[in-house]
PDB file of N, CA and C in Angstrom:
ATOM      1  N   UNK A   1     -14.081   9.429  11.072  1.00  0.00           N
ATOM      2  CA  UNK A   1     -13.568   8.393  10.172  1.00  0.00           C
ATOM      3  C   UNK A   1     -13.388   7.101  10.977  1.00  0.00           C
ATOM      4  N   UNK A   2     -13.454   5.986  10.312  1.00  0.00           N
ATOM      5  CA  UNK A   2     -13.343   4.677  10.943  1.00  0.00           C
ATOM      6  C   UNK A   2     -11.946   4.433  11.504  1.00  0.00           C
ATOM      7  N   UNK A   3     -11.780   3.267  12.131  1.00  0.00           N
ATOM      8  CA  UNK A   3     -10.465   2.843  12.592  1.00  0.00           C
ATOM      9  C   UNK A   3      -9.509   2.857  11.416  1.00  0.00           C
ATOM     10  N   UNK A   4      -8.319   3.358  11.658  1.00  0.00           N
ATOM     11  CA  UNK A   4      -7.337   3.494  10.588  1.00  0.00           C
ATOM     12  C   UNK A   4      -6.252   2.442  10.737  1.00  0.00           C
ATOM     13  N   UNK A   5      -5.854   1.868   9.615  1.00  0.00           N
ATOM     14  CA  UNK A   5      -4.735   0.948   9.581  1.00  0.00           C
ATOM     15  C   UNK A   5      -3.793   1.408   8.484  1.00  0.00           C
ATOM     16  N   UNK A   6      -2.529   1.520   8.844  1.00  0.00           N
ATOM     17  CA  UNK A   6      -1.502   1.869   7.871  1.00  0.00           C
ATOM     18  C   UNK A   6      -0.789   0.578   7.491  1.00  0.00           C
ATOM     19  N   UNK A   7      -0.734   0.298   6.208  1.00  0.00           N
ATOM     20  CA  UNK A   7      -0.053  -0.874   5.674  1.00  0.00           C
ATOM     21  C   UNK A   7       1.256  -0.420   5.054  1.00  0.00           C
ATOM     22  N   UNK A   8       2.350  -1.070   5.438  1.00  0.00           N
ATOM     23  CA  UNK A   8       3.632  -0.691   4.881  1.00  0.00           C
ATOM     24  C   UNK A   8       4.759  -1.534   5.413  1.00  0.00           C
ATOM     25  N   UNK A   9       5.949  -1.007   5.225  1.00  0.00           N
ATOM     26  CA  UNK A   9       7.177  -1.643   5.687  1.00  0.00           C
ATOM     27  C   UNK A   9       7.885  -0.604   6.552  1.00  0.00           C
ATOM     28  N   UNK A  10       8.286  -0.963   7.774  1.00  0.00           N
ATOM     29  CA  UNK A  10       8.809   0.041   8.699  1.00  0.00           C
ATOM     30  C   UNK A  10      10.030   0.817   8.211  1.00  0.00           C
ATOM     31  N   UNK A  11      10.861   0.227   7.372  1.00  0.00           N
ATOM     32  CA  UNK A  11      12.059   0.943   6.928  1.00  0.00           C
ATOM     33  C   UNK A  11      11.838   1.746   5.651  1.00  0.00           C
ATOM     34  N   UNK A  12      10.608   1.787   5.141  1.00  0.00           N
ATOM     35  CA  UNK A  12      10.265   2.574   3.950  1.00  0.00           C
ATOM     36  C   UNK A  12      10.158   4.045   4.350  1.00  0.00           C
ATOM     37  N   UNK A  13      10.847   4.921   3.631  1.00  0.00           N
ATOM     38  CA  UNK A  13      10.833   6.347   3.954  1.00  0.00           C
ATOM     39  C   UNK A  13       9.428   6.941   3.926  1.00  0.00           C
ATOM     40  N   UNK A  14       8.640   6.598   2.920  1.00  0.00           N
ATOM     41  CA  UNK A  14       7.271   7.140   2.827  1.00  0.00           C
ATOM     42  C   UNK A  14       6.414   6.661   3.994  1.00  0.00           C
ATOM     43  N   UNK A  15       6.583   5.411   4.371  1.00  0.00           N
ATOM     44  CA  UNK A  15       5.835   4.882   5.515  1.00  0.00           C
ATOM     45  C   UNK A  15       6.262   5.598   6.789  1.00  0.00           C
ATOM     46  N   UNK A  16       7.546   5.791   6.981  1.00  0.00           N
ATOM     47  CA  UNK A  16       8.040   6.509   8.161  1.00  0.00           C
ATOM     48  C   UNK A  16       7.445   7.908   8.241  1.00  0.00           C
ATOM     49  N   UNK A  17       7.407   8.612   7.112  1.00  0.00           N
ATOM     50  CA  UNK A  17       6.850   9.964   7.084  1.00  0.00           C
ATOM     51  C   UNK A  17       5.364   9.951   7.433  1.00  0.00           C
ATOM     52  N   UNK A  18       4.635   8.988   6.896  1.00  0.00           N
ATOM     53  CA  UNK A  18       3.198   8.890   7.178  1.00  0.00           C
ATOM     54  C   UNK A  18       2.955   8.616   8.659  1.00  0.00           C
ATOM     55  N   UNK A  19       3.705   7.688   9.233  1.00  0.00           N
ATOM     56  CA  UNK A  19       3.530   7.361  10.650  1.00  0.00           C
ATOM     57  C   UNK A  19       3.868   8.567  11.526  1.00  0.00           C
ATOM     58  N   UNK A  20       4.940   9.263  11.183  1.00  0.00           N
ATOM     59  CA  UNK A  20       5.331  10.456  11.944  1.00  0.00           C
ATOM     60  C   UNK A  20       4.239  11.520  11.855  1.00  0.00           C
ATOM     61  N   UNK A  21       3.674  11.722  10.665  1.00  0.00           N
ATOM     62  CA  UNK A  21       2.623  12.719  10.482  1.00  0.00           C
ATOM     63  C   UNK A  21       1.407  12.360  11.334  1.00  0.00           C
ATOM     64  N   UNK A  22       0.997  11.102  11.289  1.00  0.00           N
ATOM     65  CA  UNK A  22      -0.159  10.664  12.077  1.00  0.00           C
ATOM     66  C   UNK A  22       0.092  10.855  13.563  1.00  0.00           C
ATOM     67  N   UNK A  23       1.268  10.490  14.033  1.00  0.00           N
ATOM     68  CA  UNK A  23       1.601  10.676  15.450  1.00  0.00           C
ATOM     69  C   UNK A  23       1.621  12.152  15.825  1.00  0.00           C
ATOM     70  N   UNK A  24       2.228  12.971  14.977  1.00  0.00           N
ATOM     71  CA  UNK A  24       2.311  14.411  15.235  1.00  0.00           C
ATOM     72  C   UNK A  24       0.920  15.041  15.340  1.00  0.00           C
ATOM     73  N   UNK A  25      -0.023  14.542  14.526  1.00  0.00           N
ATOM     74  CA  UNK A  25      -1.382  15.083  14.525  1.00  0.00           C
ATOM     75  C   UNK A  25      -2.319  14.301  15.450  1.00  0.00           C
ATOM     76  N   UNK A  26      -1.733  13.444  16.269  1.00  0.00           N
ATOM     77  CA  UNK A  26      -2.480  12.686  17.283  1.00  0.00           C
ATOM     78  C   UNK A  26      -3.677  11.932  16.691  1.00  0.00           C
ATOM     79  N   UNK A  27      -3.412  11.292  15.560  1.00  0.00           N
ATOM     80  CA  UNK A  27      -4.424  10.460  14.902  1.00  0.00           C
ATOM     81  C   UNK A  27      -4.060   9.009  15.188  1.00  0.00           C
ATOM     82  N   UNK A  28      -4.959   8.306  15.838  1.00  0.00           N
ATOM     83  CA  UNK A  28      -4.660   6.918  16.207  1.00  0.00           C
ATOM     84  C   UNK A  28      -4.787   6.005  14.992  1.00  0.00           C
ATOM     85  N   UNK A  29      -3.961   4.965  15.001  1.00  0.00           N
ATOM     86  CA  UNK A  29      -3.930   4.023  13.883  1.00  0.00           C
ATOM     87  C   UNK A  29      -3.279   2.732  14.347  1.00  0.00           C
ATOM     88  N   UNK A  30      -3.539   1.685  13.592  1.00  0.00           N
ATOM     89  CA  UNK A  30      -2.836   0.417  13.742  1.00  0.00           C
ATOM     90  C   UNK A  30      -1.846   0.326  12.588  1.00  0.00           C
ATOM     91  N   UNK A  31      -0.760  -0.393  12.812  1.00  0.00           N
ATOM     92  CA  UNK A  31       0.227  -0.553  11.752  1.00  0.00           C
ATOM     93  C   UNK A  31       0.305  -2.016  11.360  1.00  0.00           C
ATOM     94  N   UNK A  32       0.212  -2.270  10.059  1.00  0.00           N
ATOM     95  CA  UNK A  32       0.323  -3.624   9.511  1.00  0.00           C
ATOM     96  C   UNK A  32       1.629  -3.690   8.719  1.00  0.00           C
ATOM     97  N   UNK A  33       2.554  -4.479   9.220  1.00  0.00           N
ATOM     98  CA  UNK A  33       3.872  -4.634   8.608  1.00  0.00           C
ATOM     99  C   UNK A  33       3.814  -5.795   7.611  1.00  0.00           C
ATOM    100  N   UNK A  34       3.923  -5.456   6.322  1.00  0.00           N
ATOM    101  CA  UNK A  34       3.887  -6.496   5.290  1.00  0.00           C
ATOM    102  C   UNK A  34       4.946  -7.562   5.513  1.00  0.00           C
ATOM    103  N   UNK A  35       6.106  -7.161   5.973  1.00  0.00           N
ATOM    104  CA  UNK A  35       7.213  -8.114   6.112  1.00  0.00           C
ATOM    105  C   UNK A  35       6.933  -9.131   7.213  1.00  0.00           C
ATOM    106  N   UNK A  36       6.284  -8.712   8.277  1.00  0.00           N
ATOM    107  CA  UNK A  36       5.989  -9.631   9.377  1.00  0.00           C
ATOM    108  C   UNK A  36       4.654 -10.342   9.203  1.00  0.00           C
ATOM    109  N   UNK A  37       3.646  -9.613   8.741  1.00  0.00           N
ATOM    110  CA  UNK A  37       2.289 -10.155   8.709  1.00  0.00           C
ATOM    111  C   UNK A  37       1.819 -10.573   7.318  1.00  0.00           C
ATOM    112  N   UNK A  38       2.582 -10.207   6.279  1.00  0.00           N
ATOM    113  CA  UNK A  38       2.148 -10.543   4.920  1.00  0.00           C
ATOM    114  C   UNK A  38       0.910  -9.758   4.537  1.00  0.00           C
ATOM    115  N   UNK A  39       0.245 -10.218   3.515  1.00  0.00           N
ATOM    116  CA  UNK A  39      -0.991  -9.588   3.044  1.00  0.00           C
ATOM    117  C   UNK A  39      -1.867 -10.672   2.434  1.00  0.00           C
ATOM    118  N   UNK A  40      -3.151 -10.613   2.718  1.00  0.00           N
ATOM    119  CA  UNK A  40      -4.069 -11.624   2.204  1.00  0.00           C
ATOM    120  C   UNK A  40      -4.610 -11.209   0.838  1.00  0.00           C
ATOM    121  N   UNK A  41      -4.867 -12.209   0.019  1.00  0.00           N
ATOM    122  CA  UNK A  41      -5.440 -11.960  -1.306  1.00  0.00           C
ATOM    123  C   UNK A  41      -6.758 -11.207  -1.182  1.00  0.00           C
ATOM    124  N   UNK A  42      -7.562 -11.534  -0.181  1.00  0.00           N
ATOM    125  CA  UNK A  42      -8.860 -10.870  -0.020  1.00  0.00           C
ATOM    126  C   UNK A  42      -8.697  -9.367   0.199  1.00  0.00           C
ATOM    127  N   UNK A  43      -7.666  -8.962   0.923  1.00  0.00           N
ATOM    128  CA  UNK A  43      -7.399  -7.533   1.148  1.00  0.00           C
ATOM    129  C   UNK A  43      -6.983  -6.863  -0.159  1.00  0.00           C
ATOM    130  N   UNK A  44      -6.093  -7.515  -0.903  1.00  0.00           N
ATOM    131  CA  UNK A  44      -5.653  -6.956  -2.182  1.00  0.00           C
ATOM    132  C   UNK A  44      -6.810  -6.859  -3.174  1.00  0.00           C
ATOM    133  N   UNK A  45      -7.675  -7.856  -3.187  1.00  0.00           N
ATOM    134  CA  UNK A  45      -8.843  -7.821  -4.074  1.00  0.00           C
ATOM    135  C   UNK A  45      -9.728  -6.633  -3.719  1.00  0.00           C
ATOM    136  N   UNK A  46      -9.966  -6.437  -2.429  1.00  0.00           N
ATOM    137  CA  UNK A  46     -10.783  -5.303  -1.974  1.00  0.00           C
ATOM    138  C   UNK A  46     -10.173  -3.984  -2.446  1.00  0.00           C
ATOM    139  N   UNK A  47      -8.874  -3.814  -2.205  1.00  0.00           N
ATOM    140  CA  UNK A  47      -8.201  -2.577  -2.606  1.00  0.00           C
ATOM    141  C   UNK A  47      -8.249  -2.376  -4.117  1.00  0.00           C
ATOM    142  N   UNK A  48      -7.947  -3.432  -4.857  1.00  0.00           N
ATOM    143  CA  UNK A  48      -7.936  -3.330  -6.323  1.00  0.00           C
ATOM    144  C   UNK A  48      -9.323  -3.004  -6.857  1.00  0.00           C
ATOM    145  N   UNK A  49     -10.351  -3.548  -6.216  1.00  0.00           N
ATOM    146  CA  UNK A  49     -11.714  -3.240  -6.637  1.00  0.00           C
ATOM    147  C   UNK A  49     -12.068  -1.780  -6.348  1.00  0.00           C
ATOM    148  N   UNK A  50     -11.474  -1.212  -5.306  1.00  0.00           N
ATOM    149  CA  UNK A  50     -11.726   0.193  -4.962  1.00  0.00           C
ATOM    150  C   UNK A  50     -10.973   1.158  -5.873  1.00  0.00           C
ATOM    151  N   UNK A  51      -9.736   0.808  -6.222  1.00  0.00           N
ATOM    152  CA  UNK A  51      -8.876   1.791  -6.901  1.00  0.00           C
ATOM    153  C   UNK A  51      -8.352   1.345  -8.265  1.00  0.00           C
ATOM    154  N   UNK A  52      -8.373   0.057  -8.503  1.00  0.00           N
ATOM    155  CA  UNK A  52      -7.720  -0.488  -9.693  1.00  0.00           C
ATOM    156  C   UNK A  52      -6.348  -1.031  -9.308  1.00  0.00           C
ATOM    157  N   UNK A  53      -5.995  -2.168  -9.853  1.00  0.00           N
ATOM    158  CA  UNK A  53      -4.725  -2.810  -9.477  1.00  0.00           C
ATOM    159  C   UNK A  53      -3.521  -1.986  -9.912  1.00  0.00           C
ATOM    160  N   UNK A  54      -3.691  -1.190 -10.948  1.00  0.00           N
ATOM    161  CA  UNK A  54      -2.579  -0.389 -11.453  1.00  0.00           C
ATOM    162  C   UNK A  54      -2.101   0.645 -10.429  1.00  0.00           C
ATOM    163  N   UNK A  55      -2.991   1.059  -9.535  1.00  0.00           N
ATOM    164  CA  UNK A  55      -2.642   2.022  -8.487  1.00  0.00           C
ATOM    165  C   UNK A  55      -1.914   1.317  -7.336  1.00  0.00           C
ATOM    166  N   UNK A  56      -2.336   0.127  -7.008  1.00  0.00           N
ATOM    167  CA  UNK A  56      -1.775  -0.612  -5.873  1.00  0.00           C
ATOM    168  C   UNK A  56      -0.399  -1.195  -6.205  1.00  0.00           C
ATOM    169  N   UNK A  57      -0.214  -1.673  -7.405  1.00  0.00           N
ATOM    170  CA  UNK A  57       1.063  -2.258  -7.836  1.00  0.00           C
ATOM    171  C   UNK A  57       2.050  -1.131  -8.138  1.00  0.00           C
ATOM    172  N   UNK A  58       3.179  -1.128  -7.461  1.00  0.00           N
ATOM    173  CA  UNK A  58       4.164  -0.048  -7.599  1.00  0.00           C
ATOM    174  C   UNK A  58       5.211  -0.407  -8.658  1.00  0.00           C
ATOM    175  N   UNK A  59       4.997   0.103  -9.858  1.00  0.00           N
ATOM    176  CA  UNK A  59       5.928  -0.178 -10.956  1.00  0.00           C
ATOM    177  C   UNK A  59       7.187   0.685 -10.899  1.00  0.00           C
ATOM    178  N   UNK A  60       7.287   1.540  -9.897  1.00  0.00           N
ATOM    179  CA  UNK A  60       8.503   2.334  -9.712  1.00  0.00           C
ATOM    180  C   UNK A  60       9.428   1.711  -8.665  1.00  0.00           C
ATOM    181  N   UNK A  61       8.986   0.632  -8.063  1.00  0.00           N
ATOM    182  CA  UNK A  61       9.741   0.033  -6.960  1.00  0.00           C
ATOM    183  C   UNK A  61      10.969  -0.744  -7.447  1.00  0.00           C
ATOM    184  N   UNK A  62      11.898  -0.902  -6.546  1.00  0.00           N
ATOM    185  CA  UNK A  62      13.082  -1.722  -6.801  1.00  0.00           C
ATOM    186  C   UNK A  62      12.668  -3.166  -7.103  1.00  0.00           C
ATOM    187  N   UNK A  63      11.649  -3.625  -6.397  1.00  0.00           N
ATOM    188  CA  UNK A  63      11.173  -4.997  -6.613  1.00  0.00           C
ATOM    189  C   UNK A  63      10.655  -5.173  -8.041  1.00  0.00           C
ATOM    190  N   UNK A  64       9.883  -4.215  -8.536  1.00  0.00           N
ATOM    191  CA  UNK A  64       9.391  -4.275  -9.916  1.00  0.00           C
ATOM    192  C   UNK A  64      10.559  -4.304 -10.897  1.00  0.00           C
ATOM    193  N   UNK A  65      11.511  -3.424 -10.682  1.00  0.00           N
ATOM    194  CA  UNK A  65      12.658  -3.355 -11.599  1.00  0.00           C
ATOM    195  C   UNK A  65      13.483  -4.640 -11.553  1.00  0.00           C
ATOM    196  N   UNK A  66      13.396  -5.374 -10.440  1.00  0.00           N
ATOM    197  CA  UNK A  66      14.125  -6.630 -10.305  1.00  0.00           C
ATOM    198  C   UNK A  66      13.469  -7.806 -11.008  1.00  0.00           C
ATOM    199  N   UNK A  67      12.207  -7.631 -11.409  1.00  0.00           N
ATOM    200  CA  UNK A  67      11.531  -8.699 -12.150  1.00  0.00           C
ATOM    201  C   UNK A  67      12.079  -8.752 -13.577  1.00  0.00           C
ATOM    202  N   UNK A  68      12.052  -9.924 -14.144  1.00  0.00           N
ATOM    203  CA  UNK A  68      12.470 -10.040 -15.547  1.00  0.00           C
ATOM    204  C   UNK A  68      11.438  -9.350 -16.438  1.00  0.00           C
ATOM    205  N   UNK A  69      11.838  -9.027 -17.640  1.00  0.00           N
ATOM    206  CA  UNK A  69      10.915  -8.405 -18.603  1.00  0.00           C
ATOM    207  C   UNK A  69       9.714  -9.313 -18.854  1.00  0.00           C
ATOM    208  N   UNK A  70       9.962 -10.613 -18.858  1.00  0.00           N
ATOM    209  CA  UNK A  70       8.880 -11.576 -19.072  1.00  0.00           C
ATOM    210  C   UNK A  70       7.887 -11.544 -17.910  1.00  0.00           C
ATOM    211  N   UNK A  71       8.418 -11.486 -16.677  1.00  0.00           N
ATOM    212  CA  UNK A  71       7.538 -11.422 -15.506  1.00  0.00           C
ATOM    213  C   UNK A  71       6.716 -10.130 -15.527  1.00  0.00           C
ATOM    214  N   UNK A  72       7.369  -9.031 -15.850  1.00  0.00           N
ATOM    215  CA  UNK A  72       6.651  -7.757 -15.932  1.00  0.00           C
ATOM    216  C   UNK A  72       5.561  -7.805 -17.000  1.00  0.00           C
ATOM    217  N   UNK A  73       5.895  -8.342 -18.147  1.00  0.00           N
ATOM    218  CA  UNK A  73       4.956  -8.390 -19.262  1.00  0.00           C
ATOM    219  C   UNK A  73       3.750  -9.276 -18.961  1.00  0.00           C
ATOM    220  N   UNK A  74       3.922 -10.253 -18.068  1.00  0.00           N
ATOM    221  CA  UNK A  74       2.840 -11.178 -17.740  1.00  0.00           C
ATOM    222  C   UNK A  74       1.792 -10.555 -16.818  1.00  0.00           C
ATOM    223  N   UNK A  75       2.090  -9.393 -16.242  1.00  0.00           N
ATOM    224  CA  UNK A  75       1.152  -8.765 -15.315  1.00  0.00           C
ATOM    225  C   UNK A  75       0.249  -7.825 -16.117  1.00  0.00           C
ATOM    226  N   UNK A  76      -0.839  -8.411 -16.593  1.00  0.00           N
ATOM    227  CA  UNK A  76      -1.742  -7.677 -17.477  1.00  0.00           C
ATOM    228  C   UNK A  76      -3.157  -7.550 -16.924  1.00  0.00           C
ATOM    229  N   UNK A  77      -3.394  -8.134 -15.753  1.00  0.00           N
ATOM    230  CA  UNK A  77      -4.734  -8.059 -15.180  1.00  0.00           C
ATOM    231  C   UNK A  77      -4.647  -8.132 -13.654  1.00  0.00           C
ATOM    232  N   UNK A  78      -5.781  -7.956 -13.015  1.00  0.00           N
ATOM    233  CA  UNK A  78      -5.826  -7.925 -11.551  1.00  0.00           C
ATOM    234  C   UNK A  78      -5.336  -9.228 -10.934  1.00  0.00           C
ATOM    235  N   UNK A  79      -5.742 -10.355 -11.457  1.00  0.00           N
ATOM    236  CA  UNK A  79      -5.341 -11.644 -10.887  1.00  0.00           C
ATOM    237  C   UNK A  79      -3.822 -11.806 -10.916  1.00  0.00           C
ATOM    238  N   UNK A  80      -3.198 -11.457 -12.017  1.00  0.00           N
ATOM    239  CA  UNK A  80      -1.738 -11.567 -12.126  1.00  0.00           C
ATOM    240  C   UNK A  80      -1.052 -10.582 -11.184  1.00  0.00           C
ATOM    241  N   UNK A  81      -1.616  -9.377 -11.063  1.00  0.00           N
ATOM    242  CA  UNK A  81      -1.041  -8.371 -10.167  1.00  0.00           C
ATOM    243  C   UNK A  81      -1.119  -8.828  -8.714  1.00  0.00           C
ATOM    244  N   UNK A  82      -2.253  -9.387  -8.330  1.00  0.00           N
ATOM    245  CA  UNK A  82      -2.413  -9.859  -6.949  1.00  0.00           C
ATOM    246  C   UNK A  82      -1.455 -11.003  -6.670  1.00  0.00           C
ATOM    247  N   UNK A  83      -1.293 -11.895  -7.608  1.00  0.00           N
ATOM    248  CA  UNK A  83      -0.364 -13.015  -7.430  1.00  0.00           C
ATOM    249  C   UNK A  83       1.055 -12.506  -7.169  1.00  0.00           C
ATOM    250  N   UNK A  84       1.513 -11.524  -7.941  1.00  0.00           N
ATOM    251  CA  UNK A  84       2.874 -11.013  -7.759  1.00  0.00           C
ATOM    252  C   UNK A  84       2.979 -10.208  -6.465  1.00  0.00           C
ATOM    253  N   UNK A  85       1.903  -9.502  -6.066  1.00  0.00           N
ATOM    254  CA  UNK A  85       1.934  -8.730  -4.822  1.00  0.00           C
ATOM    255  C   UNK A  85       1.976  -9.631  -3.596  1.00  0.00           C
ATOM    256  N   UNK A  86       1.332 -10.778  -3.671  1.00  0.00           N
ATOM    257  CA  UNK A  86       1.396 -11.723  -2.547  1.00  0.00           C
ATOM    258  C   UNK A  86       2.794 -12.325  -2.457  1.00  0.00           C
ATOM    259  N   UNK A  87       3.373 -12.652  -3.602  1.00  0.00           N
ATOM    260  CA  UNK A  87       4.711 -13.256  -3.628  1.00  0.00           C
ATOM    261  C   UNK A  87       5.801 -12.245  -3.274  1.00  0.00           C
ATOM    262  N   UNK A  88       5.579 -10.968  -3.585  1.00  0.00           N
ATOM    263  CA  UNK A  88       6.587  -9.910  -3.370  1.00  0.00           C
ATOM    264  C   UNK A  88       5.885  -8.699  -2.773  1.00  0.00           C
ATOM    265  N   UNK A  89       5.582  -8.753  -1.464  1.00  0.00           N
ATOM    266  CA  UNK A  89       4.769  -7.682  -0.896  1.00  0.00           C
ATOM    267  C   UNK A  89       5.447  -6.312  -0.900  1.00  0.00           C
ATOM    268  N   UNK A  90       6.742  -6.253  -1.137  1.00  0.00           N
ATOM    269  CA  UNK A  90       7.389  -4.947  -1.233  1.00  0.00           C
ATOM    270  C   UNK A  90       7.100  -4.254  -2.566  1.00  0.00           C
ATOM    271  N   UNK A  91       6.360  -4.910  -3.439  1.00  0.00           N
ATOM    272  CA  UNK A  91       5.974  -4.303  -4.716  1.00  0.00           C
ATOM    273  C   UNK A  91       4.651  -3.542  -4.584  1.00  0.00           C
ATOM    274  N   UNK A  92       4.042  -3.611  -3.405  1.00  0.00           N
ATOM    275  CA  UNK A  92       2.788  -2.898  -3.151  1.00  0.00           C
ATOM    276  C   UNK A  92       3.119  -1.447  -2.814  1.00  0.00           C
ATOM    277  N   UNK A  93       2.386  -0.527  -3.403  1.00  0.00           N
ATOM    278  CA  UNK A  93       2.570   0.898  -3.130  1.00  0.00           C
ATOM    279  C   UNK A  93       2.486   1.138  -1.618  1.00  0.00           C
ATOM    280  N   UNK A  94       3.355   2.007  -1.113  1.00  0.00           N
ATOM    281  CA  UNK A  94       3.389   2.262   0.328  1.00  0.00           C
ATOM    282  C   UNK A  94       3.396   3.755   0.616  1.00  0.00           C
ATOM    283  N   UNK A  95       2.879   4.084   1.771  1.00  0.00           N
ATOM    284  CA  UNK A  95       1.966   3.304   2.605  1.00  0.00           C
ATOM    285  C   UNK A  95       0.554   3.331   2.018  1.00  0.00           C
ATOM    286  N   UNK A  96      -0.252   2.415   2.502  1.00  0.00           N
ATOM    287  CA  UNK A  96      -1.684   2.460   2.216  1.00  0.00           C
ATOM    288  C   UNK A  96      -2.376   2.637   3.551  1.00  0.00           C
ATOM    289  N   UNK A  97      -3.127   3.712   3.668  1.00  0.00           N
ATOM    290  CA  UNK A  97      -3.901   3.956   4.876  1.00  0.00           C
ATOM    291  C   UNK A  97      -5.342   3.579   4.559  1.00  0.00           C
ATOM    292  N   UNK A  98      -5.865   2.668   5.348  1.00  0.00           N
ATOM    293  CA  UNK A  98      -7.226   2.184   5.151  1.00  0.00           C
ATOM    294  C   UNK A  98      -8.087   2.629   6.323  1.00  0.00           C
ATOM    295  N   UNK A  99      -9.217   3.219   6.000  1.00  0.00           N
ATOM    296  CA  UNK A  99     -10.203   3.597   7.016  1.00  0.00           C
ATOM    297  C   UNK A  99     -11.566   3.211   6.450  1.00  0.00           C
ATOM    298  N   UNK A 100     -12.078   2.085   6.919  1.00  0.00           N
ATOM    299  CA  UNK A 100     -13.321   1.567   6.348  1.00  0.00           C
ATOM    300  C   UNK A 100     -13.099   1.216   4.894  1.00  0.00           C
ATOM    301  N   UNK A 101     -13.906   1.787   4.022  1.00  0.00           N
ATOM    302  CA  UNK A 101     -13.759   1.549   2.582  1.00  0.00           C
ATOM    303  C   UNK A 101     -12.984   2.661   1.890  1.00  0.00           C
ATOM    304  N   UNK A 102     -12.345   3.505   2.658  1.00  0.00           N
ATOM    305  CA  UNK A 102     -11.569   4.605   2.094  1.00  0.00           C
ATOM    306  C   UNK A 102     -10.086   4.251   2.151  1.00  0.00           C
ATOM    307  N   UNK A 103      -9.379   4.537   1.061  1.00  0.00           N
ATOM    308  CA  UNK A 103      -7.936   4.293   0.994  1.00  0.00           C
ATOM    309  C   UNK A 103      -7.220   5.592   0.675  1.00  0.00           C
ATOM    310  N   UNK A 104      -6.095   5.799   1.338  1.00  0.00           N
ATOM    311  CA  UNK A 104      -5.169   6.857   0.955  1.00  0.00           C
ATOM    312  C   UNK A 104      -3.890   6.138   0.572  1.00  0.00           C
ATOM    313  N   UNK A 105      -3.505   6.249  -0.684  1.00  0.00           N
ATOM    314  CA  UNK A 105      -2.373   5.487  -1.201  1.00  0.00           C
ATOM    315  C   UNK A 105      -1.189   6.422  -1.397  1.00  0.00           C
ATOM    316  N   UNK A 106      -0.059   6.036  -0.807  1.00  0.00           N
ATOM    317  CA  UNK A 106       1.114   6.899  -0.832  1.00  0.00           C
ATOM    318  C   UNK A 106       0.999   7.938   0.264  1.00  0.00           C
ATOM    319  N   UNK A 107       2.005   8.793   0.380  1.00  0.00           N
ATOM    320  CA  UNK A 107       1.974   9.819   1.412  1.00  0.00           C
ATOM    321  C   UNK A 107       2.407  11.169   0.873  1.00  0.00           C
ATOM    322  N   UNK A 108       1.556  12.145   1.097  1.00  0.00           N
ATOM    323  CA  UNK A 108       1.944  13.554   1.021  1.00  0.00           C
ATOM    324  C   UNK A 108       1.244  14.237   2.189  1.00  0.00           C
ATOM    325  N   UNK A 109       1.918  15.195   2.793  1.00  0.00           N
ATOM    326  CA  UNK A 109       1.308  15.910   3.917  1.00  0.00           C
ATOM    327  C   UNK A 109      -0.006  16.552   3.498  1.00  0.00           C
ATOM    328  N   UNK A 110      -0.020  17.150   2.317  1.00  0.00           N
ATOM    329  CA  UNK A 110      -1.211  17.840   1.843  1.00  0.00           C
ATOM    330  C   UNK A 110      -2.405  16.893   1.742  1.00  0.00           C
ATOM    331  N   UNK A 111      -2.183  15.725   1.176  1.00  0.00           N
ATOM    332  CA  UNK A 111      -3.275  14.775   1.005  1.00  0.00           C
ATOM    333  C   UNK A 111      -3.744  14.234   2.353  1.00  0.00           C
ATOM    334  N   UNK A 112      -2.829  13.897   3.244  1.00  0.00           N
ATOM    335  CA  UNK A 112      -3.232  13.413   4.562  1.00  0.00           C
ATOM    336  C   UNK A 112      -4.028  14.486   5.287  1.00  0.00           C
ATOM    337  N   UNK A 113      -3.555  15.718   5.225  1.00  0.00           N
ATOM    338  CA  UNK A 113      -4.269  16.802   5.916  1.00  0.00           C
ATOM    339  C   UNK A 113      -5.673  16.949   5.344  1.00  0.00           C
ATOM    340  N   UNK A 114      -5.781  16.947   4.034  1.00  0.00           N
ATOM    341  CA  UNK A 114      -7.082  17.116   3.377  1.00  0.00           C
ATOM    342  C   UNK A 114      -8.014  15.954   3.707  1.00  0.00           C
ATOM    343  N   UNK A 115      -7.497  14.733   3.725  1.00  0.00           N
ATOM    344  CA  UNK A 115      -8.325  13.552   3.921  1.00  0.00           C
ATOM    345  C   UNK A 115      -8.634  13.239   5.393  1.00  0.00           C
ATOM    346  N   UNK A 116      -7.753  13.659   6.296  1.00  0.00           N
ATOM    347  CA  UNK A 116      -7.867  13.222   7.683  1.00  0.00           C
ATOM    348  C   UNK A 116      -8.200  14.314   8.701  1.00  0.00           C
ATOM    349  N   UNK A 117      -8.075  15.564   8.325  1.00  0.00           N
ATOM    350  CA  UNK A 117      -8.349  16.646   9.281  1.00  0.00           C
ATOM    351  C   UNK A 117      -9.733  17.218   9.087  1.00  0.00           C
TER     352      UNK A 117
END
């Protein structure tokens, strides 16, 4: 598999679990911290084109719940979703592991094992 990059926020429990799993299984990766490095629209467009914006945008997040009903209702397409994800990067599903054109979104041990071993 190609070079792996994990996108997330260091204090996110799911991200912590994913990083620990990768380290435990001696799988090398780079870590991209949304809070420090942000996220580019081009990256979000690539991901959304691969999976659909509905998968990348985390509607279960605290950030989503903090948006007004009007703001939530306005997110009806990829462009609107990308705009809100750039403005509020903690609304992006975490972690996202990218290896070339392959994405693993979220973390479960079973899925990481199946996809990476």
